[in-house]
Protein backbone atom coordinates (compact mmCIF):
# COMPACT_ATOMS: atom_id res chain seq x y z
CA MET A 1 142.47 137.40 100.49
CA ALA A 2 141.29 133.86 99.80
CA ASN A 3 141.92 132.72 96.24
CA PHE A 4 138.69 131.55 94.65
CA THR A 5 136.50 132.38 91.70
CA ALA A 6 132.82 132.87 90.96
CA ALA A 7 132.92 129.41 89.40
CA ASP A 8 133.97 127.96 92.76
CA VAL A 9 131.02 129.65 94.43
CA LYS A 10 128.72 128.18 91.77
CA VAL A 11 130.15 124.69 92.33
CA LEU A 12 129.37 124.93 96.05
CA ARG A 13 125.86 126.17 95.39
CA ASP A 14 125.21 123.40 92.88
CA ARG A 15 126.64 120.64 95.07
CA LEU A 16 125.05 121.59 98.36
CA GLY A 17 122.29 124.01 97.49
CA ALA A 18 123.87 126.59 99.79
CA GLY A 19 123.21 130.31 99.44
CA MET A 20 125.67 132.61 97.70
CA MET A 21 126.91 134.35 100.84
CA ASP A 22 127.22 131.07 102.77
CA SER A 23 129.27 129.65 99.89
CA LYS A 24 131.51 132.71 99.73
CA ASN A 25 132.05 132.74 103.48
CA ALA A 26 132.91 129.04 103.48
CA LEU A 27 135.50 129.58 100.72
CA VAL A 28 136.98 132.50 102.65
CA GLU A 29 137.19 130.37 105.80
CA ALA A 30 138.73 127.53 103.77
CA ASP A 31 141.23 129.90 102.12
CA GLY A 32 139.90 128.97 98.70
CA ASP A 33 140.10 125.20 99.23
CA LEU A 34 136.89 123.91 97.58
CA GLU A 35 136.75 120.54 99.34
CA LYS A 36 137.42 122.12 102.72
CA ALA A 37 134.64 124.62 102.03
CA VAL A 38 132.29 121.70 101.32
CA GLU A 39 133.14 120.18 104.69
CA ILE A 40 132.62 123.53 106.44
CA LEU A 41 129.16 123.88 104.95
CA ARG A 42 128.27 120.27 105.75
CA LEU A 43 129.41 120.72 109.35
CA LYS A 44 127.29 123.83 109.71
CA GLY A 45 124.38 121.91 108.22
CA ALA A 46 124.93 119.03 110.63
CA LYS A 47 124.85 121.42 113.57
CA GLY A 48 121.57 122.82 112.29
CA ASN A 49 120.20 119.29 111.91
CA ALA A 50 121.13 118.53 115.52
CA LYS A 51 119.13 121.54 116.69
CA ARG A 52 116.14 120.24 114.73
CA ALA A 53 116.42 116.66 116.05
CA ASP A 54 113.54 116.98 118.52
CA ARG A 55 111.11 118.50 116.04
CA SER A 56 108.13 116.44 114.88
CA THR A 57 107.79 115.24 111.29
CA SER A 58 104.09 114.85 110.53
CA GLU A 59 104.29 115.61 106.80
CA GLY A 60 106.09 113.96 103.89
CA LEU A 61 105.30 111.39 101.25
CA VAL A 62 105.11 107.69 100.49
CA ALA A 63 106.76 106.07 97.47
CA ALA A 64 107.10 102.55 96.11
CA LYS A 65 109.28 100.66 93.67
CA VAL A 66 108.91 97.16 92.24
CA ASN A 67 111.89 94.87 91.63
CA GLU A 68 111.97 91.26 90.58
CA GLY A 69 110.70 89.15 93.47
CA ASN A 70 109.96 92.02 95.84
CA ALA A 71 108.72 95.58 96.15
CA THR A 72 109.72 98.40 98.47
CA LEU A 73 107.50 100.96 100.18
CA ILE A 74 108.97 103.93 102.05
CA GLU A 75 107.77 106.89 104.07
CA LEU A 76 110.03 109.95 103.92
CA ALA A 77 108.97 112.48 106.53
CA CYS A 78 109.46 116.22 106.97
CA GLU A 79 107.98 118.99 109.10
CA THR A 80 105.71 120.93 106.73
CA ASP A 81 103.56 120.29 103.69
CA PHE A 82 105.34 123.21 101.99
CA VAL A 83 108.56 121.18 101.96
CA ALA A 84 106.76 117.90 101.18
CA LYS A 85 105.49 119.20 97.86
CA GLY A 86 108.77 120.85 96.87
CA ASP A 87 110.84 119.55 93.98
CA ARG A 88 113.91 119.17 96.15
CA PHE A 89 112.16 116.92 98.67
CA VAL A 90 110.49 114.84 95.96
CA SER A 91 113.83 114.42 94.18
CA LEU A 92 115.42 113.33 97.45
CA SER A 93 112.68 110.73 97.96
CA GLU A 94 113.44 109.28 94.53
CA ARG A 95 117.14 108.95 95.36
CA VAL A 96 116.38 107.36 98.71
CA LEU A 97 113.84 104.94 97.25
CA ASP A 98 116.19 103.86 94.45
CA ALA A 99 119.00 103.16 96.91
CA VAL A 100 116.85 101.37 99.49
CA ALA A 101 115.04 99.26 96.88
CA ALA A 102 118.29 98.26 95.17
CA ALA A 103 119.69 97.13 98.52
CA GLY A 104 116.59 95.08 99.34
CA VAL A 105 116.45 96.18 102.99
CA ASP A 106 113.34 95.93 105.16
CA SER A 107 113.75 98.57 107.86
CA ALA A 108 114.47 102.27 108.19
CA GLU A 109 117.60 101.51 110.22
CA ALA A 110 119.01 99.33 107.46
CA GLY A 111 117.81 101.80 104.84
CA ASN A 112 119.71 104.69 106.43
CA ALA A 113 122.93 102.66 106.27
CA VAL A 114 122.66 101.90 102.53
CA PRO A 115 125.61 103.33 100.56
CA VAL A 116 124.95 106.06 98.01
CA GLY A 117 128.17 106.75 96.16
CA ASP A 118 130.70 107.88 98.76
CA SER A 119 127.91 108.64 101.21
CA THR A 120 124.93 106.85 102.79
CA VAL A 121 121.18 107.35 102.66
CA GLU A 122 121.29 108.90 106.12
CA GLN A 123 124.01 111.33 105.05
CA ILE A 124 122.29 112.47 101.84
CA ILE A 125 119.10 113.02 103.83
CA GLY A 126 121.10 115.05 106.36
CA ASP A 127 122.71 117.12 103.61
CA GLU A 128 119.33 117.96 102.10
CA ALA A 129 117.83 118.69 105.51
CA ALA A 130 120.61 121.20 106.12
CA VAL A 131 119.82 122.97 102.85
CA ILE A 132 116.04 122.84 103.20
CA GLY A 133 116.13 123.86 106.86
CA GLU A 134 113.77 121.20 108.19
CA LYS A 135 114.12 117.88 109.93
CA ILE A 136 113.83 115.07 107.37
CA GLU A 137 113.87 111.38 108.18
CA LEU A 138 113.39 108.02 106.57
CA ARG A 139 110.65 106.90 108.93
CA ARG A 140 109.61 103.51 107.56
CA VAL A 141 110.67 100.90 105.01
CA ALA A 142 108.78 97.75 104.04
CA LEU A 143 109.93 94.95 101.75
CA ILE A 144 107.07 92.90 100.32
CA PRO A 145 107.66 89.52 98.63
CA GLY A 146 105.64 88.26 95.69
CA ASP A 147 105.50 87.09 92.10
CA GLU A 148 103.43 90.13 91.05
CA PHE A 149 102.67 93.45 92.71
CA ALA A 150 99.85 95.95 92.90
CA VAL A 151 100.86 99.46 93.92
CA TYR A 152 98.37 102.11 94.97
CA LEU A 153 99.52 105.60 95.95
CA HIS A 154 96.76 107.92 97.09
CA LYS A 155 96.85 111.71 97.25
CA THR A 156 94.75 113.16 100.05
CA SER A 157 95.31 116.60 98.48
CA LYS A 158 95.92 117.40 94.82
CA ASP A 159 98.66 119.83 95.86
CA LEU A 160 100.68 117.23 97.78
CA PRO A 161 102.57 114.07 96.84
CA PRO A 162 101.00 110.71 97.80
CA GLN A 163 100.14 110.47 101.49
CA VAL A 164 98.84 106.89 101.59
CA GLY A 165 100.76 104.04 99.96
CA VAL A 166 99.90 100.37 99.58
CA VAL A 167 101.86 97.52 98.00
CA VAL A 168 100.32 94.08 97.61
CA GLY A 169 102.40 91.04 96.70
CA TYR A 170 100.46 88.28 94.99
CA SER A 171 100.46 85.44 92.50
CA GLY A 172 97.87 85.18 89.73
CA ASN A 173 96.88 86.99 86.56
CA ASP A 174 94.13 89.39 87.59
CA ALA A 175 95.99 92.69 87.96
CA GLU A 176 92.76 94.70 88.05
CA THR A 177 91.42 92.83 91.08
CA ALA A 178 94.83 92.99 92.76
CA ARG A 179 94.83 96.78 92.39
CA SER A 180 91.29 96.87 93.78
CA ILE A 181 92.53 94.94 96.83
CA ALA A 182 95.30 97.53 97.25
CA GLN A 183 92.66 100.28 97.17
CA HIS A 184 90.63 98.36 99.75
CA ILE A 185 93.69 98.19 102.02
CA ALA A 186 94.22 101.94 101.70
CA PHE A 187 90.64 102.46 102.92
CA ALA A 188 90.24 99.65 105.48
CA ASN A 189 93.74 99.68 106.99
CA PRO A 190 94.13 96.00 107.99
CA GLU A 191 97.12 95.13 110.16
CA TYR A 192 97.54 91.46 109.21
CA LEU A 193 96.91 89.20 106.23
CA THR A 194 95.01 86.39 108.00
CA ARG A 195 93.57 85.79 111.44
CA GLU A 196 96.38 83.29 112.04
CA ASP A 197 98.88 86.14 111.63
CA VAL A 198 97.45 88.08 114.56
CA PRO A 199 99.82 87.60 117.55
CA ALA A 200 98.46 85.25 120.21
CA ASP A 201 98.92 87.80 123.00
CA LYS A 202 96.84 90.33 121.09
CA VAL A 203 94.07 87.75 120.57
CA ASP A 204 94.17 86.79 124.25
CA ALA A 205 93.93 90.42 125.30
CA GLU A 206 90.94 90.99 123.02
CA ARG A 207 89.28 87.80 124.28
CA LYS A 208 89.57 89.02 127.88
CA ILE A 209 88.09 92.38 126.94
CA VAL A 210 85.06 90.97 125.10
CA GLU A 211 84.47 88.42 127.85
CA GLU A 212 84.46 91.17 130.46
CA ILE A 213 82.11 93.26 128.35
CA SER A 214 79.78 90.32 127.77
CA ARG A 215 79.66 89.42 131.46
CA GLY A 216 79.08 93.07 132.33
CA GLU A 217 76.06 93.08 130.04
CA GLY A 218 74.57 90.24 132.06
CA LYS A 219 74.65 87.70 129.25
CA PRO A 220 73.66 84.15 130.26
CA GLU A 221 76.65 82.05 131.25
CA ALA A 222 75.73 79.29 128.81
CA ALA A 223 75.64 81.77 125.94
CA LEU A 224 78.97 83.43 126.74
CA PRO A 225 81.28 81.19 124.64
CA LYS A 226 79.26 81.80 121.47
CA ILE A 227 78.95 85.52 122.15
CA ILE A 228 82.69 85.84 122.84
CA GLU A 229 83.59 83.98 119.65
CA GLY A 230 81.22 86.17 117.68
CA ARG A 231 82.87 89.30 119.02
CA LEU A 232 86.31 87.87 118.31
CA THR A 233 85.22 87.26 114.74
CA ALA A 234 84.26 90.94 114.53
CA PHE A 235 87.71 91.81 115.86
CA PHE A 236 89.39 89.69 113.16
CA LYS A 237 87.26 91.43 110.53
CA GLN A 238 88.80 94.69 111.68
CA VAL A 239 92.46 93.68 111.69
CA ALA A 240 92.90 90.81 109.18
CA LEU A 241 92.69 91.59 105.47
CA LEU A 242 91.20 88.31 104.27
CA GLU A 243 88.52 88.42 106.97
CA GLN A 244 87.32 91.90 106.05
CA ASP A 245 84.21 92.79 104.11
CA TYR A 246 85.24 93.95 100.66
CA ALA A 247 85.02 97.74 100.38
CA LYS A 248 83.39 97.63 96.94
CA ASP A 249 80.81 95.01 97.93
CA ASN A 250 80.30 94.37 101.63
CA LYS A 251 78.35 91.20 100.88
CA LEU A 252 81.69 89.61 99.96
CA THR A 253 84.80 89.05 102.03
CA VAL A 254 88.20 89.93 100.67
CA ALA A 255 89.08 86.23 100.87
CA LYS A 256 86.15 85.44 98.56
CA VAL A 257 87.11 88.15 96.07
CA VAL A 258 90.73 86.99 96.03
CA ALA A 259 89.76 83.34 95.56
CA ASP A 260 87.27 84.08 92.77
CA ALA A 261 89.96 86.05 90.94
CA GLY A 262 92.44 83.18 91.23
CA LEU A 263 94.83 85.26 93.32
CA THR A 264 96.97 84.36 96.30
CA VAL A 265 98.13 87.31 98.40
CA SER A 266 101.64 86.77 99.78
CA GLY A 267 101.92 89.99 101.74
CA PHE A 268 101.14 93.69 101.86
CA ALA A 269 102.21 96.95 103.43
CA ARG A 270 100.31 100.18 104.01
CA TYR A 271 101.76 103.49 105.13
CA LYS A 272 99.99 106.76 105.80
CA VAL A 273 102.16 109.82 106.28
CA GLY A 274 102.33 110.80 109.93
CA ALA A 275 100.21 107.88 111.13
């Protein structure tokens, strides 16, 4: 008979969130050795995680944290909204965000490697996934530079944690307008800050498309350059933040609103869960 107590079972349950019978069985298999029982449960959890590796993670949450000189935005993904709104998943997201933000990393790959005590972010996510019984992954991490920051986290359902997250890095003193810009980004979903930031190959591809469309419409040859540039301008208004019409007043561009407020936007990130 393995030598262990009810207190040992409770320690296992508290540390790993395992069920009572799983904890007892692990202690029996480990002949009462608590640390060995922990490893047994973790190994079983890892095997379960491997079986879930190909599952899709379309639910989850976004979270942000501001530090001096930068801010971090993450997306932590899971399989179901039931898990996404659970205390255990939300608590995990807080631990992951704290670790990733403190390390100042700018990718999910680097975020997963961040140490957390004697473990790593990837390992603590794996441990929780084993307990919860769903695939969980740190899908995205953004690091935004700036002197000041506006953070906007939007709930698409009152029963769920934030599903859309925006962080704007800026300099200036108008925090209200900066937050309004963050809300605009959540709605308009720009990909770049300025038209100059749009990759040249993407611009070239769009130019070829609008030229083909314009020629197909039978536009006069002499008018084509102006028509093509006009359609490229419309393209930039879709993808570049400062080119866009301001969501709260479409008679103004975001660039105009930012300039009038005395702000300079240094960068932004926007994540939507599952998108």
